[in-house]
Amino acid sequence: MSTKTIIESKLNNHFKPLHLEVHNESHMHNVPEGSESHFKVVVVSTDFEGQKLLARHRAVNETLDAELKGGIHALSIHAMTPNEWFAKGGKIPESPPCLGGGKD
């Protein structure tokens, strides 16, 4: 099972999100082709209502603890309530280009 599939499964089971996106952004970094080391997740759930951003990130990190201790090098988290998601028009910012790792 791919890391992306595991992330999707764990986040779906834990947060029952209204919307979930898991993007493998490893190709944007200086890693071997086919790597699963850099991810961006968008989780929209009522579980986040009344929580500050740090608490939301901690909840996602705790849910993905085994993966973060394993092969995931970087995880970008966008954890929102449904109202926040709709207020943003269902859009999240693009990830910036990689500046490290000796990539030109």
N, C-alpha and C. Protein backbone atom coordinates (compact mmCIF):
# COMPACT_ATOMS: atom_id res chain seq x y z
N MET A 1 0.85 -1.18 0.00
CA MET A 1 0.00 0.00 0.00
C MET A 1 0.90 1.24 0.00
N SER A 2 0.55 2.21 -0.82
CA SER A 2 1.35 3.43 -0.91
C SER A 2 1.19 4.29 0.34
N THR A 3 2.18 5.12 0.59
CA THR A 3 2.12 6.05 1.73
C THR A 3 0.93 6.99 1.56
N LYS A 4 0.68 7.44 0.35
CA LYS A 4 -0.45 8.34 0.09
C LYS A 4 -1.76 7.66 0.48
N THR A 5 -1.94 6.41 0.12
CA THR A 5 -3.15 5.68 0.46
C THR A 5 -3.30 5.50 1.96
N ILE A 6 -2.20 5.23 2.64
CA ILE A 6 -2.23 5.09 4.11
C ILE A 6 -2.65 6.41 4.76
N ILE A 7 -2.07 7.52 4.29
CA ILE A 7 -2.42 8.84 4.82
C ILE A 7 -3.90 9.11 4.62
N GLU A 8 -4.40 8.86 3.41
CA GLU A 8 -5.82 9.09 3.12
C GLU A 8 -6.71 8.25 4.06
N SER A 9 -6.36 7.01 4.21
CA SER A 9 -7.15 6.11 5.06
C SER A 9 -7.17 6.57 6.51
N LYS A 10 -6.01 6.90 7.04
CA LYS A 10 -5.94 7.32 8.44
C LYS A 10 -6.69 8.64 8.69
N LEU A 11 -6.52 9.60 7.79
CA LEU A 11 -7.20 10.88 7.96
C LEU A 11 -8.71 10.73 7.79
N ASN A 12 -9.14 9.92 6.83
CA ASN A 12 -10.58 9.66 6.66
C ASN A 12 -11.17 9.01 7.89
N ASN A 13 -10.49 8.01 8.42
CA ASN A 13 -11.01 7.29 9.58
C ASN A 13 -11.04 8.15 10.84
N HIS A 14 -10.03 8.99 11.02
CA HIS A 14 -9.93 9.78 12.25
C HIS A 14 -10.81 11.02 12.24
N PHE A 15 -10.83 11.75 11.11
CA PHE A 15 -11.51 13.05 11.08
C PHE A 15 -12.86 13.04 10.37
N LYS A 16 -13.18 11.99 9.64
CA LYS A 16 -14.44 11.94 8.86
C LYS A 16 -14.62 13.26 8.10
N PRO A 17 -13.63 13.63 7.27
CA PRO A 17 -13.65 14.95 6.66
C PRO A 17 -14.75 15.16 5.62
N LEU A 18 -15.18 16.39 5.54
CA LEU A 18 -16.09 16.82 4.48
C LEU A 18 -15.31 16.84 3.16
N HIS A 19 -14.04 17.17 3.25
CA HIS A 19 -13.17 17.23 2.08
C HIS A 19 -11.76 16.81 2.50
N LEU A 20 -11.12 16.00 1.67
CA LEU A 20 -9.75 15.56 1.94
C LEU A 20 -8.97 15.52 0.65
N GLU A 21 -7.79 16.11 0.68
CA GLU A 21 -6.85 16.02 -0.44
C GLU A 21 -5.50 15.61 0.13
N VAL A 22 -4.84 14.68 -0.52
CA VAL A 22 -3.48 14.29 -0.15
C VAL A 22 -2.65 14.36 -1.43
N HIS A 23 -1.69 15.27 -1.45
CA HIS A 23 -0.84 15.47 -2.62
C HIS A 23 0.58 15.02 -2.31
N ASN A 24 1.09 14.11 -3.12
CA ASN A 24 2.50 13.72 -3.01
C ASN A 24 3.29 14.76 -3.80
N GLU A 25 4.04 15.59 -3.10
CA GLU A 25 4.82 16.66 -3.73
C GLU A 25 6.30 16.31 -3.80
N SER A 26 6.62 15.04 -3.67
CA SER A 26 8.02 14.60 -3.68
C SER A 26 8.71 14.96 -4.99
N HIS A 27 7.96 14.93 -6.09
CA HIS A 27 8.54 15.24 -7.40
C HIS A 27 9.09 16.67 -7.48
N MET A 28 8.68 17.52 -6.56
CA MET A 28 9.13 18.91 -6.54
C MET A 28 10.45 19.07 -5.78
N HIS A 29 10.99 17.96 -5.28
CA HIS A 29 12.18 18.00 -4.44
C HIS A 29 13.27 17.11 -5.00
N ASN A 30 14.45 17.26 -4.46
CA ASN A 30 15.62 16.50 -4.92
C ASN A 30 15.62 15.12 -4.26
N VAL A 31 14.71 14.27 -4.73
CA VAL A 31 14.59 12.91 -4.22
C VAL A 31 14.47 11.97 -5.42
N PRO A 32 14.73 10.69 -5.22
CA PRO A 32 14.61 9.75 -6.33
C PRO A 32 13.18 9.71 -6.90
N GLU A 33 13.07 9.44 -8.19
CA GLU A 33 11.77 9.33 -8.83
C GLU A 33 10.93 8.26 -8.13
N GLY A 34 9.66 8.55 -7.95
CA GLY A 34 8.76 7.61 -7.29
C GLY A 34 8.75 7.71 -5.78
N SER A 35 9.50 8.65 -5.22
CA SER A 35 9.55 8.82 -3.77
C SER A 35 8.21 9.25 -3.20
N GLU A 36 7.99 8.91 -1.95
CA GLU A 36 6.82 9.37 -1.20
C GLU A 36 7.32 9.95 0.11
N SER A 37 7.92 11.13 0.02
CA SER A 37 8.56 11.73 1.19
C SER A 37 8.05 13.13 1.53
N HIS A 38 7.39 13.78 0.60
CA HIS A 38 6.91 15.15 0.80
C HIS A 38 5.42 15.19 0.45
N PHE A 39 4.59 15.57 1.43
CA PHE A 39 3.15 15.58 1.20
C PHE A 39 2.52 16.89 1.65
N LYS A 40 1.42 17.22 0.98
CA LYS A 40 0.55 18.32 1.40
C LYS A 40 -0.83 17.71 1.62
N VAL A 41 -1.43 17.98 2.78
CA VAL A 41 -2.77 17.48 3.06
C VAL A 41 -3.72 18.65 3.31
N VAL A 42 -4.93 18.49 2.81
CA VAL A 42 -6.02 19.42 3.07
C VAL A 42 -7.10 18.59 3.75
N VAL A 43 -7.42 18.95 4.98
CA VAL A 43 -8.43 18.22 5.75
C VAL A 43 -9.48 19.23 6.21
N VAL A 44 -10.71 19.02 5.78
CA VAL A 44 -11.81 19.90 6.16
C VAL A 44 -12.77 19.07 7.01
N SER A 45 -12.85 19.43 8.29
CA SER A 45 -13.64 18.62 9.22
C SER A 45 -14.27 19.47 10.31
N THR A 46 -15.45 19.07 10.73
CA THR A 46 -16.10 19.74 11.86
C THR A 46 -15.33 19.49 13.15
N ASP A 47 -14.45 18.47 13.17
CA ASP A 47 -13.62 18.20 14.36
C ASP A 47 -12.74 19.40 14.72
N PHE A 48 -12.45 20.25 13.76
CA PHE A 48 -11.55 21.38 13.99
C PHE A 48 -12.26 22.62 14.54
N GLU A 49 -13.58 22.58 14.61
CA GLU A 49 -14.31 23.74 15.12
C GLU A 49 -13.92 24.01 16.57
N GLY A 50 -13.61 25.26 16.86
CA GLY A 50 -13.22 25.66 18.21
C GLY A 50 -11.77 25.38 18.54
N GLN A 51 -11.00 24.81 17.59
CA GLN A 51 -9.59 24.51 17.83
C GLN A 51 -8.71 25.55 17.16
N LYS A 52 -7.62 25.89 17.83
CA LYS A 52 -6.63 26.77 17.22
C LYS A 52 -5.81 25.97 16.22
N LEU A 53 -5.13 26.67 15.34
CA LEU A 53 -4.36 26.04 14.28
C LEU A 53 -3.34 25.03 14.81
N LEU A 54 -2.66 25.38 15.87
CA LEU A 54 -1.65 24.48 16.43
C LEU A 54 -2.28 23.16 16.90
N ALA A 55 -3.43 23.21 17.52
CA ALA A 55 -4.11 22.00 17.97
C ALA A 55 -4.53 21.13 16.78
N ARG A 56 -4.95 21.77 15.72
CA ARG A 56 -5.33 21.03 14.51
C ARG A 56 -4.13 20.30 13.93
N HIS A 57 -3.02 21.02 13.82
CA HIS A 57 -1.80 20.42 13.28
C HIS A 57 -1.32 19.27 14.16
N ARG A 58 -1.39 19.47 15.45
CA ARG A 58 -0.99 18.39 16.37
C ARG A 58 -1.87 17.16 16.18
N ALA A 59 -3.16 17.35 15.99
CA ALA A 59 -4.07 16.23 15.79
C ALA A 59 -3.73 15.46 14.52
N VAL A 60 -3.42 16.18 13.45
CA VAL A 60 -3.04 15.52 12.19
C VAL A 60 -1.70 14.81 12.38
N ASN A 61 -0.75 15.48 13.00
CA ASN A 61 0.56 14.85 13.24
C ASN A 61 0.44 13.59 14.09
N GLU A 62 -0.39 13.62 15.11
CA GLU A 62 -0.59 12.44 15.96
C GLU A 62 -1.22 11.30 15.17
N THR A 63 -2.15 11.63 14.30
CA THR A 63 -2.81 10.62 13.48
C THR A 63 -1.82 9.95 12.53
N LEU A 64 -0.84 10.71 12.06
CA LEU A 64 0.14 10.20 11.10
C LEU A 64 1.50 9.94 11.75
N ASP A 65 1.50 9.70 13.05
CA ASP A 65 2.75 9.54 13.80
C ASP A 65 3.68 8.49 13.20
N ALA A 66 3.17 7.33 12.89
CA ALA A 66 4.02 6.25 12.35
C ALA A 66 4.64 6.65 11.02
N GLU A 67 3.88 7.32 10.17
CA GLU A 67 4.39 7.73 8.87
C GLU A 67 5.43 8.84 9.01
N LEU A 68 5.21 9.75 9.97
CA LEU A 68 6.18 10.82 10.20
C LEU A 68 7.49 10.27 10.79
N LYS A 69 7.40 9.20 11.54
CA LYS A 69 8.61 8.57 12.07
C LYS A 69 9.27 7.67 11.03
N GLY A 70 8.54 7.37 9.97
CA GLY A 70 9.05 6.52 8.90
C GLY A 70 9.64 7.35 7.78
N GLY A 71 9.05 7.25 6.59
CA GLY A 71 9.64 7.84 5.40
C GLY A 71 9.22 9.24 5.04
N ILE A 72 8.25 9.83 5.75
CA ILE A 72 7.83 11.19 5.39
C ILE A 72 8.84 12.19 5.92
N HIS A 73 9.35 13.00 5.01
CA HIS A 73 10.33 14.03 5.36
C HIS A 73 9.65 15.37 5.64
N ALA A 74 8.56 15.65 4.90
CA ALA A 74 7.89 16.94 5.04
C ALA A 74 6.39 16.76 4.87
N LEU A 75 5.63 17.47 5.72
CA LEU A 75 4.17 17.41 5.67
C LEU A 75 3.62 18.82 5.81
N SER A 76 2.96 19.30 4.77
CA SER A 76 2.29 20.59 4.79
C SER A 76 0.83 20.32 5.13
N ILE A 77 0.32 20.99 6.16
CA ILE A 77 -1.04 20.72 6.65
C ILE A 77 -1.92 21.95 6.49
N HIS A 78 -3.07 21.74 5.86
CA HIS A 78 -4.12 22.76 5.78
C HIS A 78 -5.35 22.12 6.43
N ALA A 79 -5.58 22.42 7.70
CA ALA A 79 -6.68 21.84 8.47
C ALA A 79 -7.70 22.93 8.75
N MET A 80 -8.91 22.75 8.18
CA MET A 80 -9.92 23.80 8.24
C MET A 80 -11.28 23.26 8.64
N THR A 81 -12.10 24.16 9.16
CA THR A 81 -13.50 23.84 9.39
C THR A 81 -14.22 24.00 8.04
N PRO A 82 -15.42 23.45 7.91
CA PRO A 82 -16.17 23.65 6.67
C PRO A 82 -16.39 25.13 6.35
N ASN A 83 -16.71 25.95 7.35
CA ASN A 83 -16.92 27.38 7.10
C ASN A 83 -15.66 28.05 6.57
N GLU A 84 -14.50 27.70 7.12
CA GLU A 84 -13.23 28.27 6.64
C GLU A 84 -12.96 27.84 5.20
N TRP A 85 -13.23 26.57 4.92
CA TRP A 85 -13.01 26.03 3.57
C TRP A 85 -13.89 26.76 2.55
N PHE A 86 -15.16 26.92 2.87
CA PHE A 86 -16.07 27.60 1.94
C PHE A 86 -15.72 29.07 1.80
N ALA A 87 -15.27 29.72 2.89
CA ALA A 87 -14.87 31.13 2.83
C ALA A 87 -13.67 31.32 1.91
N LYS A 88 -12.82 30.30 1.80
CA LYS A 88 -11.65 30.38 0.90
C LYS A 88 -12.00 29.93 -0.51
N GLY A 89 -13.26 29.63 -0.73
CA GLY A 89 -13.68 29.20 -2.06
C GLY A 89 -13.15 27.83 -2.43
N GLY A 90 -12.82 27.03 -1.42
CA GLY A 90 -12.32 25.69 -1.69
C GLY A 90 -10.93 25.66 -2.30
N LYS A 91 -10.16 26.70 -2.03
CA LYS A 91 -8.81 26.78 -2.62
C LYS A 91 -7.76 26.90 -1.52
N ILE A 92 -6.61 26.34 -1.80
CA ILE A 92 -5.46 26.47 -0.91
C ILE A 92 -4.30 27.02 -1.73
N PRO A 93 -3.33 27.65 -1.07
CA PRO A 93 -2.20 28.20 -1.83
C PRO A 93 -1.34 27.09 -2.42
N GLU A 94 -0.72 27.41 -3.55
CA GLU A 94 0.23 26.49 -4.18
C GLU A 94 1.46 26.37 -3.28
N SER A 95 2.08 25.22 -3.30
CA SER A 95 3.31 25.03 -2.53
C SER A 95 4.45 25.75 -3.24
N PRO A 96 5.34 26.36 -2.47
CA PRO A 96 6.48 27.05 -3.09
C PRO A 96 7.47 26.05 -3.67
N PRO A 97 8.28 26.50 -4.61
CA PRO A 97 9.28 25.58 -5.16
C PRO A 97 10.34 25.23 -4.11
N CYS A 98 10.92 24.06 -4.26
CA CYS A 98 11.96 23.61 -3.35
C CYS A 98 13.21 24.45 -3.56
N LEU A 99 13.82 24.89 -2.47
CA LEU A 99 15.04 25.69 -2.56
C LEU A 99 16.24 24.95 -2.00
N GLY A 100 16.04 23.76 -1.52
CA GLY A 100 17.15 23.02 -0.89
C GLY A 100 17.52 21.77 -1.62
N GLY A 101 18.46 21.04 -1.06
CA GLY A 101 18.83 19.74 -1.59
C GLY A 101 19.64 19.77 -2.84
N GLY A 102 20.19 20.92 -3.22
CA GLY A 102 21.05 20.99 -4.38
C GLY A 102 20.32 20.91 -5.71
N LYS A 103 19.01 21.10 -5.71
CA LYS A 103 18.25 21.05 -6.96
C LYS A 103 18.40 22.38 -7.66
N ASP A 104 18.61 22.35 -8.97
CA ASP A 104 18.76 23.59 -9.75
C ASP A 104 17.44 24.23 -10.03
